[in-house]
Amino acid sequence: MKPEIIITEDGSNSLYVSSLNESYHSGFGAINESLHVFIKSGFEKAIEIRKEINVLEIGFGTGLNALLTLKESIQQGIRISYDGIEPNPIKREIYSKLNYPYLTDMPDASVLFNRMHESPSDSKIEILKGFNLRKIKSGLEDVELKPDFYQLIYFDAFSPDVQPDLWELSVFKKLYRTMTNGGVLVTYSAKGQVRRNMQSAGFVVERLPGPKGKREILRALKTGKR
């Protein structure tokens, strides 16, 4: 079923899937949530000691996290290789109507955003100098991930209630193996079982204050010590 474009509390769009009774972002604000969870709690932590990082996103979705990461990489002079896993890419009739480019205050945001979505799957494309994107049209379970490769993972799948298989211990073990020591994984979910699965996979897990409407989020670190 085609997702419906909705407006969240901060004025930014999200998508609602009626068959799942689930939206892609928090109703309290899509951009607010993405900035708080993935940029401030994830990206800013990952670049503390690095000027070049490999990023993996589980659930490329609307492309909002990628667009915000691109903006930050420009402002902070960080080189990014960005892989986004998405088995069900949204179509042009949807992404062309999303208002993120007009709310990000970035030159040529609309052109860059469209370039992200129009780039062919499974090919590495230079969206802008210093920012390469590869969209992977597949489920996470079918993707071979290089060991010790990613410094940052955005875990932005649908909620554990909707996609429980993506939040199991085996998934976090797979992600642990593909991360470098010092790597950072962030997610909006703070469910106890999710935290325990991360810890069992080897991560050191922190509870952090959540964005508006959410008490806590999780940040998991690969320290190399188990």
N, C-alpha and C. Protein backbone atom coordinates (compact mmCIF):
# COMPACT_ATOMS: atom_id res chain seq x y z
N MET A 1 0.84 -1.20 0.00
CA MET A 1 0.00 0.00 0.00
C MET A 1 0.88 1.26 0.00
N LYS A 2 0.50 2.26 -0.78
CA LYS A 2 1.27 3.48 -0.89
C LYS A 2 1.22 4.26 0.42
N PRO A 3 2.40 4.70 0.93
CA PRO A 3 2.39 5.49 2.16
C PRO A 3 1.76 6.85 1.94
N GLU A 4 1.22 7.39 3.00
CA GLU A 4 0.56 8.70 2.96
C GLU A 4 1.48 9.74 3.56
N ILE A 5 1.61 10.88 2.90
CA ILE A 5 2.41 11.98 3.43
C ILE A 5 1.64 12.68 4.54
N ILE A 6 2.28 12.83 5.69
CA ILE A 6 1.66 13.53 6.81
C ILE A 6 2.58 14.68 7.25
N ILE A 7 2.05 15.59 8.04
CA ILE A 7 2.84 16.69 8.59
C ILE A 7 2.99 16.47 10.09
N THR A 8 4.23 16.49 10.55
CA THR A 8 4.49 16.30 11.97
C THR A 8 4.53 17.65 12.69
N GLU A 9 4.68 17.60 14.00
CA GLU A 9 4.49 18.80 14.82
C GLU A 9 5.47 19.92 14.51
N ASP A 10 6.70 19.58 14.05
CA ASP A 10 7.67 20.65 13.75
C ASP A 10 7.52 21.17 12.32
N GLY A 11 6.48 20.73 11.61
CA GLY A 11 6.22 21.21 10.26
C GLY A 11 6.83 20.35 9.17
N SER A 12 7.66 19.38 9.54
CA SER A 12 8.29 18.51 8.54
C SER A 12 7.41 17.30 8.25
N ASN A 13 7.56 16.79 7.05
CA ASN A 13 6.76 15.65 6.61
C ASN A 13 7.25 14.33 7.20
N SER A 14 6.37 13.38 7.25
CA SER A 14 6.72 11.98 7.45
C SER A 14 5.78 11.17 6.57
N LEU A 15 5.95 9.86 6.60
CA LEU A 15 5.07 8.97 5.86
C LEU A 15 4.36 8.04 6.84
N TYR A 16 3.10 7.80 6.56
CA TYR A 16 2.29 6.90 7.39
C TYR A 16 1.85 5.71 6.55
N VAL A 17 2.07 4.51 7.09
CA VAL A 17 1.68 3.28 6.41
C VAL A 17 0.48 2.70 7.16
N SER A 18 -0.70 2.80 6.57
CA SER A 18 -1.92 2.42 7.28
C SER A 18 -1.98 0.92 7.57
N SER A 19 -1.41 0.11 6.67
CA SER A 19 -1.46 -1.34 6.87
C SER A 19 -0.65 -1.78 8.08
N LEU A 20 0.34 -0.96 8.47
CA LEU A 20 1.16 -1.25 9.65
C LEU A 20 0.76 -0.39 10.85
N ASN A 21 -0.09 0.61 10.60
CA ASN A 21 -0.42 1.62 11.62
C ASN A 21 0.86 2.21 12.20
N GLU A 22 1.77 2.57 11.31
CA GLU A 22 3.10 3.02 11.71
C GLU A 22 3.54 4.17 10.81
N SER A 23 4.17 5.17 11.41
CA SER A 23 4.75 6.25 10.62
C SER A 23 6.26 6.11 10.60
N TYR A 24 6.91 6.75 9.63
CA TYR A 24 8.36 6.66 9.48
C TYR A 24 9.10 7.44 10.56
N HIS A 25 8.44 8.43 11.16
CA HIS A 25 9.08 9.29 12.15
C HIS A 25 8.11 9.60 13.29
N SER A 26 8.63 10.25 14.30
CA SER A 26 7.80 10.67 15.42
C SER A 26 6.81 11.75 14.97
N GLY A 27 5.60 11.66 15.47
CA GLY A 27 4.61 12.69 15.18
C GLY A 27 4.94 14.02 15.82
N PHE A 28 5.89 14.03 16.77
CA PHE A 28 6.30 15.27 17.42
C PHE A 28 7.29 16.06 16.56
N GLY A 29 7.72 15.46 15.45
CA GLY A 29 8.61 16.19 14.55
C GLY A 29 9.63 15.28 13.91
N ALA A 30 9.53 15.11 12.60
CA ALA A 30 10.45 14.22 11.89
C ALA A 30 11.88 14.75 11.92
N ILE A 31 12.06 16.02 11.56
CA ILE A 31 13.41 16.60 11.56
C ILE A 31 13.94 16.70 12.98
N ASN A 32 13.09 17.10 13.91
CA ASN A 32 13.52 17.20 15.31
C ASN A 32 14.03 15.85 15.81
N GLU A 33 13.32 14.79 15.50
CA GLU A 33 13.72 13.45 15.93
C GLU A 33 15.04 13.03 15.28
N SER A 34 15.14 13.22 13.98
CA SER A 34 16.35 12.80 13.27
C SER A 34 17.58 13.56 13.74
N LEU A 35 17.44 14.86 13.96
CA LEU A 35 18.56 15.65 14.45
C LEU A 35 19.01 15.18 15.84
N HIS A 36 18.04 14.94 16.70
CA HIS A 36 18.35 14.56 18.08
C HIS A 36 18.97 13.17 18.15
N VAL A 37 18.32 12.19 17.51
CA VAL A 37 18.75 10.79 17.64
C VAL A 37 19.99 10.50 16.81
N PHE A 38 19.94 10.85 15.54
CA PHE A 38 20.97 10.38 14.62
C PHE A 38 22.13 11.36 14.43
N ILE A 39 21.85 12.65 14.40
CA ILE A 39 22.93 13.62 14.21
C ILE A 39 23.61 13.94 15.54
N LYS A 40 22.87 14.44 16.50
CA LYS A 40 23.49 14.88 17.75
C LYS A 40 24.02 13.70 18.58
N SER A 41 23.27 12.61 18.63
CA SER A 41 23.67 11.48 19.48
C SER A 41 24.56 10.48 18.76
N GLY A 42 24.52 10.49 17.42
CA GLY A 42 25.30 9.53 16.66
C GLY A 42 26.44 10.14 15.88
N PHE A 43 26.11 10.98 14.90
CA PHE A 43 27.11 11.58 14.02
C PHE A 43 28.15 12.38 14.80
N GLU A 44 27.69 13.23 15.69
CA GLU A 44 28.62 14.09 16.43
C GLU A 44 29.55 13.28 17.33
N LYS A 45 29.06 12.16 17.84
CA LYS A 45 29.90 11.27 18.64
C LYS A 45 30.93 10.58 17.75
N ALA A 46 30.50 10.11 16.59
CA ALA A 46 31.38 9.34 15.71
C ALA A 46 32.52 10.16 15.13
N ILE A 47 32.32 11.48 14.98
CA ILE A 47 33.36 12.31 14.35
C ILE A 47 34.26 13.00 15.35
N GLU A 48 34.14 12.65 16.61
CA GLU A 48 34.97 13.30 17.62
C GLU A 48 36.46 13.13 17.34
N ILE A 49 36.82 11.97 16.79
CA ILE A 49 38.25 11.71 16.53
C ILE A 49 38.51 11.35 15.07
N ARG A 50 37.54 11.62 14.19
CA ARG A 50 37.68 11.21 12.80
C ARG A 50 37.23 12.33 11.86
N LYS A 51 37.85 12.39 10.69
CA LYS A 51 37.42 13.32 9.64
C LYS A 51 36.86 12.58 8.43
N GLU A 52 36.82 11.25 8.53
CA GLU A 52 36.29 10.44 7.43
C GLU A 52 35.63 9.21 8.04
N ILE A 53 34.35 8.98 7.73
CA ILE A 53 33.66 7.84 8.32
C ILE A 53 32.79 7.11 7.30
N ASN A 54 32.60 5.82 7.56
CA ASN A 54 31.66 5.00 6.81
C ASN A 54 30.39 4.87 7.64
N VAL A 55 29.26 5.18 7.02
CA VAL A 55 27.98 5.19 7.70
C VAL A 55 27.08 4.12 7.09
N LEU A 56 26.37 3.39 7.95
CA LEU A 56 25.36 2.43 7.50
C LEU A 56 24.03 2.83 8.11
N GLU A 57 23.02 2.95 7.26
CA GLU A 57 21.68 3.21 7.78
C GLU A 57 20.79 2.01 7.52
N ILE A 58 20.14 1.53 8.57
CA ILE A 58 19.16 0.45 8.45
C ILE A 58 17.80 1.11 8.33
N GLY A 59 17.28 1.17 7.11
CA GLY A 59 16.02 1.85 6.85
C GLY A 59 16.23 3.21 6.24
N PHE A 60 16.69 3.25 4.99
CA PHE A 60 16.96 4.53 4.32
C PHE A 60 15.70 5.38 4.23
N GLY A 61 14.57 4.73 3.99
CA GLY A 61 13.27 5.39 4.07
C GLY A 61 13.12 6.63 3.23
N THR A 62 12.84 7.75 3.87
CA THR A 62 12.59 9.01 3.17
C THR A 62 13.87 9.71 2.72
N GLY A 63 15.02 9.25 3.25
CA GLY A 63 16.28 9.92 2.93
C GLY A 63 16.59 11.09 3.84
N LEU A 64 15.75 11.31 4.86
CA LEU A 64 15.96 12.47 5.75
C LEU A 64 17.29 12.38 6.49
N ASN A 65 17.60 11.21 7.06
CA ASN A 65 18.86 11.08 7.80
C ASN A 65 20.06 11.32 6.89
N ALA A 66 19.98 10.82 5.67
CA ALA A 66 21.08 11.01 4.72
C ALA A 66 21.25 12.49 4.38
N LEU A 67 20.15 13.20 4.18
CA LEU A 67 20.21 14.62 3.83
C LEU A 67 20.80 15.43 4.99
N LEU A 68 20.37 15.15 6.21
CA LEU A 68 20.90 15.87 7.37
C LEU A 68 22.38 15.55 7.59
N THR A 69 22.76 14.30 7.31
CA THR A 69 24.17 13.92 7.44
C THR A 69 25.02 14.63 6.39
N LEU A 70 24.48 14.75 5.19
CA LEU A 70 25.17 15.48 4.14
C LEU A 70 25.40 16.94 4.56
N LYS A 71 24.37 17.56 5.10
CA LYS A 71 24.50 18.95 5.55
C LYS A 71 25.59 19.08 6.60
N GLU A 72 25.59 18.19 7.58
CA GLU A 72 26.59 18.24 8.65
C GLU A 72 27.99 17.98 8.11
N SER A 73 28.10 17.07 7.16
CA SER A 73 29.42 16.76 6.60
C SER A 73 30.01 17.96 5.87
N ILE A 74 29.16 18.73 5.21
CA ILE A 74 29.61 19.95 4.53
C ILE A 74 30.09 20.98 5.55
N GLN A 75 29.28 21.18 6.58
CA GLN A 75 29.59 22.21 7.57
C GLN A 75 30.83 21.88 8.39
N GLN A 76 31.08 20.58 8.61
CA GLN A 76 32.18 20.20 9.49
C GLN A 76 33.38 19.60 8.75
N GLY A 77 33.31 19.55 7.42
CA GLY A 77 34.43 19.07 6.64
C GLY A 77 34.73 17.60 6.83
N ILE A 78 33.68 16.78 6.90
CA ILE A 78 33.81 15.34 7.10
C ILE A 78 33.52 14.61 5.79
N ARG A 79 34.39 13.68 5.43
CA ARG A 79 34.15 12.85 4.25
C ARG A 79 33.31 11.64 4.66
N ILE A 80 32.28 11.37 3.85
CA ILE A 80 31.31 10.33 4.20
C ILE A 80 31.15 9.33 3.06
N SER A 81 31.19 8.05 3.42
CA SER A 81 30.72 6.99 2.54
C SER A 81 29.49 6.41 3.21
N TYR A 82 28.33 6.58 2.58
CA TYR A 82 27.04 6.32 3.22
C TYR A 82 26.32 5.18 2.51
N ASP A 83 26.06 4.10 3.23
CA ASP A 83 25.29 2.98 2.70
C ASP A 83 23.93 2.95 3.38
N GLY A 84 22.87 2.90 2.60
CA GLY A 84 21.53 2.85 3.15
C GLY A 84 20.78 1.62 2.68
N ILE A 85 20.37 0.77 3.62
CA ILE A 85 19.63 -0.44 3.28
C ILE A 85 18.14 -0.13 3.29
N GLU A 86 17.48 -0.42 2.18
CA GLU A 86 16.05 -0.15 2.07
C GLU A 86 15.41 -1.12 1.07
N PRO A 87 14.65 -2.12 1.55
CA PRO A 87 14.05 -3.09 0.63
C PRO A 87 12.88 -2.53 -0.18
N ASN A 88 12.28 -1.44 0.32
CA ASN A 88 11.10 -0.87 -0.35
C ASN A 88 11.29 0.63 -0.57
N PRO A 89 12.10 1.02 -1.57
CA PRO A 89 12.33 2.45 -1.81
C PRO A 89 11.04 3.18 -2.15
N ILE A 90 10.92 4.40 -1.65
CA ILE A 90 9.74 5.18 -1.99
C ILE A 90 9.87 5.72 -3.41
N LYS A 91 8.76 5.95 -4.04
CA LYS A 91 8.73 6.37 -5.44
C LYS A 91 8.79 7.90 -5.57
N ARG A 92 9.10 8.32 -6.79
CA ARG A 92 9.26 9.75 -7.06
C ARG A 92 8.01 10.55 -6.69
N GLU A 93 6.84 9.97 -6.92
CA GLU A 93 5.60 10.69 -6.62
C GLU A 93 5.47 11.00 -5.13
N ILE A 94 6.22 10.27 -4.31
CA ILE A 94 6.24 10.52 -2.87
C ILE A 94 7.39 11.43 -2.49
N TYR A 95 8.64 11.03 -2.80
CA TYR A 95 9.78 11.81 -2.31
C TYR A 95 9.83 13.22 -2.89
N SER A 96 9.27 13.40 -4.10
CA SER A 96 9.29 14.74 -4.71
C SER A 96 8.39 15.72 -3.97
N LYS A 97 7.51 15.21 -3.11
CA LYS A 97 6.59 16.07 -2.37
C LYS A 97 7.02 16.29 -0.92
N LEU A 98 8.08 15.63 -0.49
CA LEU A 98 8.54 15.80 0.88
C LEU A 98 9.21 17.16 1.05
N ASN A 99 9.00 17.81 2.17
CA ASN A 99 9.44 19.20 2.31
C ASN A 99 10.80 19.36 3.00
N TYR A 100 11.52 18.28 3.21
CA TYR A 100 12.82 18.38 3.91
C TYR A 100 13.80 19.37 3.25
N PRO A 101 13.95 19.34 1.93
CA PRO A 101 14.92 20.27 1.34
C PRO A 101 14.64 21.73 1.64
N TYR A 102 13.37 22.06 1.84
CA TYR A 102 13.00 23.45 2.08
C TYR A 102 13.15 23.86 3.54
N LEU A 103 13.41 22.87 4.40
CA LEU A 103 13.52 23.14 5.84
C LEU A 103 14.93 22.99 6.37
N THR A 104 15.88 22.60 5.51
CA THR A 104 17.23 22.30 5.99
C THR A 104 18.20 23.46 5.83
N ASP A 105 17.82 24.52 5.14
CA ASP A 105 18.67 25.70 5.00
C ASP A 105 20.05 25.31 4.45
N MET A 106 20.03 24.60 3.31
CA MET A 106 21.27 24.16 2.68
C MET A 106 21.19 24.46 1.19
N PRO A 107 22.22 25.05 0.60
CA PRO A 107 22.19 25.36 -0.83
C PRO A 107 21.97 24.10 -1.66
N ASP A 108 21.13 24.21 -2.67
CA ASP A 108 20.85 23.10 -3.60
C ASP A 108 20.31 21.86 -2.91
N ALA A 109 19.65 22.03 -1.77
CA ALA A 109 19.15 20.88 -1.02
C ALA A 109 18.18 20.03 -1.84
N SER A 110 17.33 20.68 -2.59
CA SER A 110 16.34 19.94 -3.37
C SER A 110 17.01 19.10 -4.46
N VAL A 111 18.01 19.68 -5.12
CA VAL A 111 18.75 18.95 -6.16
C VAL A 111 19.47 17.75 -5.56
N LEU A 112 20.12 17.97 -4.43
CA LEU A 112 20.88 16.91 -3.78
C LEU A 112 19.97 15.80 -3.25
N PHE A 113 18.84 16.21 -2.68
CA PHE A 113 17.87 15.24 -2.17
C PHE A 113 17.32 14.37 -3.29
N ASN A 114 16.96 14.99 -4.40
CA ASN A 114 16.47 14.22 -5.54
C ASN A 114 17.55 13.30 -6.10
N ARG A 115 18.79 13.79 -6.11
CA ARG A 115 19.89 12.97 -6.61
C ARG A 115 20.05 11.71 -5.76
N MET A 116 19.87 11.86 -4.47
CA MET A 116 19.93 10.69 -3.58
C MET A 116 18.90 9.64 -3.97
N HIS A 117 17.68 10.09 -4.16
CA HIS A 117 16.60 9.15 -4.47
C HIS A 117 16.68 8.61 -5.89
N GLU A 118 17.17 9.41 -6.80
CA GLU A 118 17.23 8.99 -8.21
C GLU A 118 18.42 8.09 -8.51
N SER A 119 19.43 8.07 -7.62
CA SER A 119 20.61 7.25 -7.87
C SER A 119 20.22 5.77 -7.88
N PRO A 120 20.78 5.00 -8.80
CA PRO A 120 20.42 3.58 -8.90
C PRO A 120 20.86 2.79 -7.68
N SER A 121 20.07 1.78 -7.35
CA SER A 121 20.42 0.93 -6.22
C SER A 121 21.69 0.14 -6.50
N ASP A 122 22.41 -0.16 -5.42
CA ASP A 122 23.59 -1.03 -5.47
C ASP A 122 24.75 -0.43 -6.28
N SER A 123 24.75 0.88 -6.44
CA SER A 123 25.86 1.57 -7.10
C SER A 123 26.31 2.72 -6.21
N LYS A 124 27.62 2.91 -6.08
CA LYS A 124 28.12 4.02 -5.28
C LYS A 124 28.13 5.28 -6.14
N ILE A 125 27.43 6.30 -5.67
CA ILE A 125 27.26 7.54 -6.42
C ILE A 125 27.81 8.71 -5.60
N GLU A 126 28.56 9.59 -6.24
CA GLU A 126 29.02 10.81 -5.57
C GLU A 126 27.90 11.84 -5.62
N ILE A 127 27.25 12.04 -4.49
CA ILE A 127 26.17 13.02 -4.40
C ILE A 127 26.74 14.43 -4.42
N LEU A 128 27.86 14.60 -3.75
CA LEU A 128 28.59 15.85 -3.68
C LEU A 128 30.02 15.48 -3.32
N LYS A 129 30.96 16.30 -3.70
CA LYS A 129 32.35 15.98 -3.40
C LYS A 129 32.52 15.69 -1.90
N GLY A 130 33.02 14.52 -1.60
CA GLY A 130 33.22 14.13 -0.21
C GLY A 130 32.07 13.37 0.40
N PHE A 131 31.00 13.14 -0.38
CA PHE A 131 29.85 12.40 0.13
C PHE A 131 29.39 11.40 -0.94
N ASN A 132 29.67 10.13 -0.69
CA ASN A 132 29.27 9.06 -1.60
C ASN A 132 28.13 8.27 -1.00
N LEU A 133 27.18 7.89 -1.83
CA LEU A 133 25.98 7.17 -1.38
C LEU A 133 25.83 5.87 -2.16
N ARG A 134 25.52 4.80 -1.42
CA ARG A 134 25.13 3.53 -2.04
C ARG A 134 23.85 3.06 -1.36
N LYS A 135 22.78 2.98 -2.13
CA LYS A 135 21.52 2.45 -1.62
C LYS A 135 21.48 0.96 -1.93
N ILE A 136 21.09 0.19 -0.95
CA ILE A 136 21.06 -1.27 -1.09
C ILE A 136 19.60 -1.71 -1.01
N LYS A 137 19.07 -2.17 -2.14
CA LYS A 137 17.66 -2.60 -2.19
C LYS A 137 17.58 -4.06 -1.75
N SER A 138 17.47 -4.24 -0.47
CA SER A 138 17.47 -5.60 0.09
C SER A 138 17.08 -5.53 1.55
N GLY A 139 16.72 -6.67 2.09
CA GLY A 139 16.53 -6.77 3.53
C GLY A 139 17.89 -6.95 4.20
N LEU A 140 18.00 -6.52 5.43
CA LEU A 140 19.27 -6.60 6.15
C LEU A 140 19.77 -8.04 6.21
N GLU A 141 18.86 -8.99 6.35
CA GLU A 141 19.27 -10.39 6.50
C GLU A 141 19.98 -10.93 5.26
N ASP A 142 19.75 -10.30 4.12
CA ASP A 142 20.34 -10.78 2.87
C ASP A 142 21.58 -10.01 2.44
N VAL A 143 22.00 -9.04 3.23
CA VAL A 143 23.13 -8.20 2.87
C VAL A 143 24.40 -8.71 3.53
N GLU A 144 25.45 -8.88 2.74
CA GLU A 144 26.77 -9.22 3.27
C GLU A 144 27.46 -7.92 3.70
N LEU A 145 27.83 -7.84 4.95
CA LEU A 145 28.46 -6.63 5.48
C LEU A 145 29.93 -6.90 5.78
N LYS A 146 30.78 -5.99 5.33
CA LYS A 146 32.21 -6.15 5.57
C LYS A 146 32.51 -6.10 7.07
N PRO A 147 33.40 -6.95 7.55
CA PRO A 147 33.79 -6.85 8.96
C PRO A 147 34.64 -5.61 9.22
N ASP A 148 34.48 -5.05 10.40
CA ASP A 148 35.30 -3.91 10.85
C ASP A 148 35.34 -2.78 9.84
N PHE A 149 34.16 -2.34 9.40
CA PHE A 149 34.10 -1.36 8.31
C PHE A 149 33.42 -0.06 8.69
N TYR A 150 32.30 -0.11 9.40
CA TYR A 150 31.52 1.10 9.67
C TYR A 150 31.87 1.71 11.02
N GLN A 151 31.97 3.05 11.01
CA GLN A 151 32.19 3.78 12.26
C GLN A 151 30.88 4.29 12.87
N LEU A 152 29.81 4.27 12.07
CA LEU A 152 28.53 4.81 12.53
C LEU A 152 27.39 4.05 11.89
N ILE A 153 26.43 3.62 12.72
CA ILE A 153 25.22 2.96 12.21
C ILE A 153 24.00 3.70 12.74
N TYR A 154 23.13 4.10 11.81
CA TYR A 154 21.82 4.62 12.16
C TYR A 154 20.84 3.44 12.09
N PHE A 155 20.32 3.02 13.22
CA PHE A 155 19.36 1.92 13.22
C PHE A 155 17.96 2.52 13.25
N ASP A 156 17.36 2.63 12.08
CA ASP A 156 16.11 3.37 11.93
C ASP A 156 15.04 2.51 11.26
N ALA A 157 14.99 1.24 11.65
CA ALA A 157 13.96 0.34 11.15
C ALA A 157 12.62 0.68 11.79
N PHE A 158 11.53 0.11 11.25
CA PHE A 158 10.25 0.23 11.93
C PHE A 158 10.37 -0.36 13.33
N SER A 159 9.45 -0.02 14.19
CA SER A 159 9.54 -0.35 15.60
C SER A 159 9.58 -1.86 15.85
N PRO A 160 10.09 -2.27 17.02
CA PRO A 160 10.11 -3.69 17.35
C PRO A 160 8.74 -4.35 17.33
N ASP A 161 7.69 -3.59 17.58
CA ASP A 161 6.34 -4.16 17.53
C ASP A 161 5.92 -4.50 16.10
N VAL A 162 6.46 -3.75 15.13
CA VAL A 162 6.08 -3.93 13.72
C VAL A 162 7.06 -4.86 13.00
N GLN A 163 8.35 -4.70 13.26
CA GLN A 163 9.38 -5.52 12.62
C GLN A 163 10.26 -6.19 13.67
N PRO A 164 9.72 -7.10 14.46
CA PRO A 164 10.49 -7.69 15.57
C PRO A 164 11.75 -8.42 15.11
N ASP A 165 11.74 -9.00 13.91
CA ASP A 165 12.90 -9.77 13.44
C ASP A 165 14.14 -8.90 13.30
N LEU A 166 13.95 -7.60 13.06
CA LEU A 166 15.10 -6.71 12.87
C LEU A 166 15.74 -6.26 14.17
N TRP A 167 15.15 -6.64 15.28
CA TRP A 167 15.65 -6.19 16.58
C TRP A 167 16.16 -7.35 17.44
N GLU A 168 16.37 -8.49 16.81
CA GLU A 168 16.80 -9.67 17.55
C GLU A 168 18.31 -9.66 17.79
N LEU A 169 18.74 -10.52 18.69
CA LEU A 169 20.16 -10.62 19.04
C LEU A 169 21.03 -10.90 17.83
N SER A 170 20.58 -11.78 16.94
CA SER A 170 21.39 -12.13 15.77
C SER A 170 21.68 -10.92 14.89
N VAL A 171 20.74 -9.98 14.83
CA VAL A 171 20.93 -8.77 14.03
C VAL A 171 22.02 -7.90 14.64
N PHE A 172 21.98 -7.72 15.94
CA PHE A 172 22.97 -6.87 16.59
C PHE A 172 24.36 -7.52 16.61
N LYS A 173 24.41 -8.84 16.61
CA LYS A 173 25.70 -9.53 16.46
C LYS A 173 26.29 -9.24 15.08
N LYS A 174 25.43 -9.26 14.07
CA LYS A 174 25.87 -8.97 12.70
C LYS A 174 26.39 -7.53 12.60
N LEU A 175 25.69 -6.61 13.23
CA LEU A 175 26.10 -5.21 13.18
C LEU A 175 27.37 -4.97 13.99
N TYR A 176 27.50 -5.67 15.10
CA TYR A 176 28.72 -5.56 15.90
C TYR A 176 29.94 -5.96 15.08
N ARG A 177 29.82 -7.04 14.32
CA ARG A 177 30.95 -7.53 13.52
C ARG A 177 31.34 -6.55 12.43
N THR A 178 30.36 -5.82 11.88
CA THR A 178 30.66 -4.93 10.75
C THR A 178 31.19 -3.57 11.20
N MET A 179 31.19 -3.31 12.50
CA MET A 179 31.66 -2.02 13.02
C MET A 179 33.12 -2.08 13.43
N THR A 180 33.79 -0.95 13.33
CA THR A 180 35.16 -0.83 13.82
C THR A 180 35.13 -0.59 15.33
N ASN A 181 36.24 -0.86 16.00
CA ASN A 181 36.34 -0.51 17.41
C ASN A 181 36.18 1.00 17.56
N GLY A 182 35.38 1.40 18.52
CA GLY A 182 35.07 2.81 18.69
C GLY A 182 33.84 3.23 17.91
N GLY A 183 33.25 2.30 17.17
CA GLY A 183 32.07 2.61 16.37
C GLY A 183 30.85 2.89 17.22
N VAL A 184 29.90 3.62 16.62
CA VAL A 184 28.70 4.10 17.33
C VAL A 184 27.46 3.63 16.59
N LEU A 185 26.50 3.08 17.33
CA LEU A 185 25.19 2.73 16.79
C LEU A 185 24.14 3.48 17.60
N VAL A 186 23.23 4.15 16.91
CA VAL A 186 22.16 4.88 17.60
C VAL A 186 20.80 4.46 17.06
N THR A 187 19.81 4.46 17.95
CA THR A 187 18.44 4.15 17.56
C THR A 187 17.47 4.90 18.46
N TYR A 188 16.28 5.10 17.94
CA TYR A 188 15.24 5.81 18.69
C TYR A 188 14.60 4.91 19.74
N SER A 189 14.72 3.60 19.60
CA SER A 189 14.07 2.69 20.53
C SER A 189 14.86 2.57 21.82
N ALA A 190 14.16 2.47 22.94
CA ALA A 190 14.81 2.28 24.23
C ALA A 190 14.21 1.08 24.97
N LYS A 191 13.58 0.17 24.23
CA LYS A 191 12.95 -0.99 24.87
C LYS A 191 14.01 -1.82 25.59
N GLY A 192 13.61 -2.36 26.72
CA GLY A 192 14.54 -3.14 27.53
C GLY A 192 15.13 -4.33 26.79
N GLN A 193 14.31 -5.04 26.00
CA GLN A 193 14.83 -6.20 25.29
C GLN A 193 15.82 -5.79 24.21
N VAL A 194 15.57 -4.67 23.57
CA VAL A 194 16.51 -4.16 22.56
C VAL A 194 17.86 -3.87 23.22
N ARG A 195 17.83 -3.19 24.35
CA ARG A 195 19.07 -2.89 25.07
C ARG A 195 19.80 -4.16 25.47
N ARG A 196 19.06 -5.15 25.98
CA ARG A 196 19.70 -6.40 26.40
C ARG A 196 20.29 -7.15 25.21
N ASN A 197 19.61 -7.11 24.07
CA ASN A 197 20.15 -7.76 22.87
C ASN A 197 21.44 -7.09 22.40
N MET A 198 21.47 -5.77 22.47
CA MET A 198 22.69 -5.04 22.12
C MET A 198 23.84 -5.43 23.05
N GLN A 199 23.55 -5.48 24.33
CA GLN A 199 24.58 -5.83 25.30
C GLN A 199 25.08 -7.26 25.10
N SER A 200 24.16 -8.18 24.82
CA SER A 200 24.55 -9.57 24.58
C SER A 200 25.40 -9.71 23.33
N ALA A 201 25.21 -8.80 22.37
CA ALA A 201 26.00 -8.82 21.14
C ALA A 201 27.41 -8.28 21.36
N GLY A 202 27.64 -7.62 22.48
CA GLY A 202 28.97 -7.10 22.79
C GLY A 202 29.06 -5.61 22.97
N PHE A 203 27.98 -4.89 22.70
CA PHE A 203 27.99 -3.44 22.79
C PHE A 203 27.96 -2.95 24.24
N VAL A 204 28.57 -1.80 24.46
CA VAL A 204 28.36 -1.04 25.68
C VAL A 204 27.24 -0.05 25.38
N VAL A 205 26.14 -0.15 26.12
CA VAL A 205 24.92 0.59 25.76
C VAL A 205 24.65 1.71 26.76
N GLU A 206 24.34 2.88 26.20
CA GLU A 206 24.00 4.04 27.01
C GLU A 206 22.55 4.42 26.78
N ARG A 207 21.86 4.77 27.85
CA ARG A 207 20.55 5.41 27.71
C ARG A 207 20.78 6.92 27.66
N LEU A 208 20.21 7.56 26.65
CA LEU A 208 20.33 9.01 26.52
C LEU A 208 18.94 9.64 26.53
N PRO A 209 18.82 10.90 26.92
CA PRO A 209 17.52 11.58 26.85
C PRO A 209 17.00 11.59 25.41
N GLY A 210 15.73 11.35 25.27
CA GLY A 210 15.13 11.30 23.94
C GLY A 210 14.67 12.66 23.44
N PRO A 211 14.22 12.71 22.19
CA PRO A 211 13.65 13.95 21.65
C PRO A 211 12.26 14.18 22.23
N LYS A 212 11.64 15.24 21.85
CA LYS A 212 10.30 15.54 22.35
C LYS A 212 9.37 14.35 22.14
N GLY A 213 8.65 14.01 23.18
CA GLY A 213 7.71 12.91 23.10
C GLY A 213 8.29 11.55 23.45
N LYS A 214 9.60 11.50 23.71
CA LYS A 214 10.24 10.22 24.01
C LYS A 214 11.22 10.41 25.16
N ARG A 215 11.10 9.58 26.18
CA ARG A 215 11.92 9.77 27.39
C ARG A 215 13.38 9.44 27.14
N GLU A 216 13.64 8.30 26.46
CA GLU A 216 15.01 7.84 26.27
C GLU A 216 15.23 7.27 24.88
N ILE A 217 16.50 7.27 24.45
CA ILE A 217 16.94 6.56 23.26
C ILE A 217 18.17 5.75 23.66
N LEU A 218 18.67 4.93 22.73
CA LEU A 218 19.85 4.11 23.02
C LEU A 218 21.01 4.45 22.10
N ARG A 219 22.19 4.48 22.69
CA ARG A 219 23.44 4.58 21.91
C ARG A 219 24.33 3.42 22.33
N ALA A 220 24.80 2.66 21.34
CA ALA A 220 25.63 1.49 21.60
C ALA A 220 27.02 1.72 21.03
N LEU A 221 28.03 1.39 21.81
CA LEU A 221 29.42 1.61 21.42
C LEU A 221 30.14 0.27 21.33
N LYS A 222 30.95 0.10 20.29
CA LYS A 222 31.81 -1.07 20.19
C LYS A 222 33.18 -0.69 20.74
N THR A 223 33.48 -1.19 21.91
CA THR A 223 34.74 -0.83 22.58
C THR A 223 35.85 -1.84 22.30
N GLY A 224 35.47 -3.01 21.75
CA GLY A 224 36.48 -4.05 21.53
C GLY A 224 36.72 -4.91 22.74
N LYS A 225 36.03 -4.59 23.85
CA LYS A 225 36.18 -5.37 25.08
C LYS A 225 34.85 -6.07 25.36
N ARG A 226 34.89 -7.40 25.48
CA ARG A 226 33.68 -8.15 25.71
C ARG A 226 33.73 -8.86 27.05
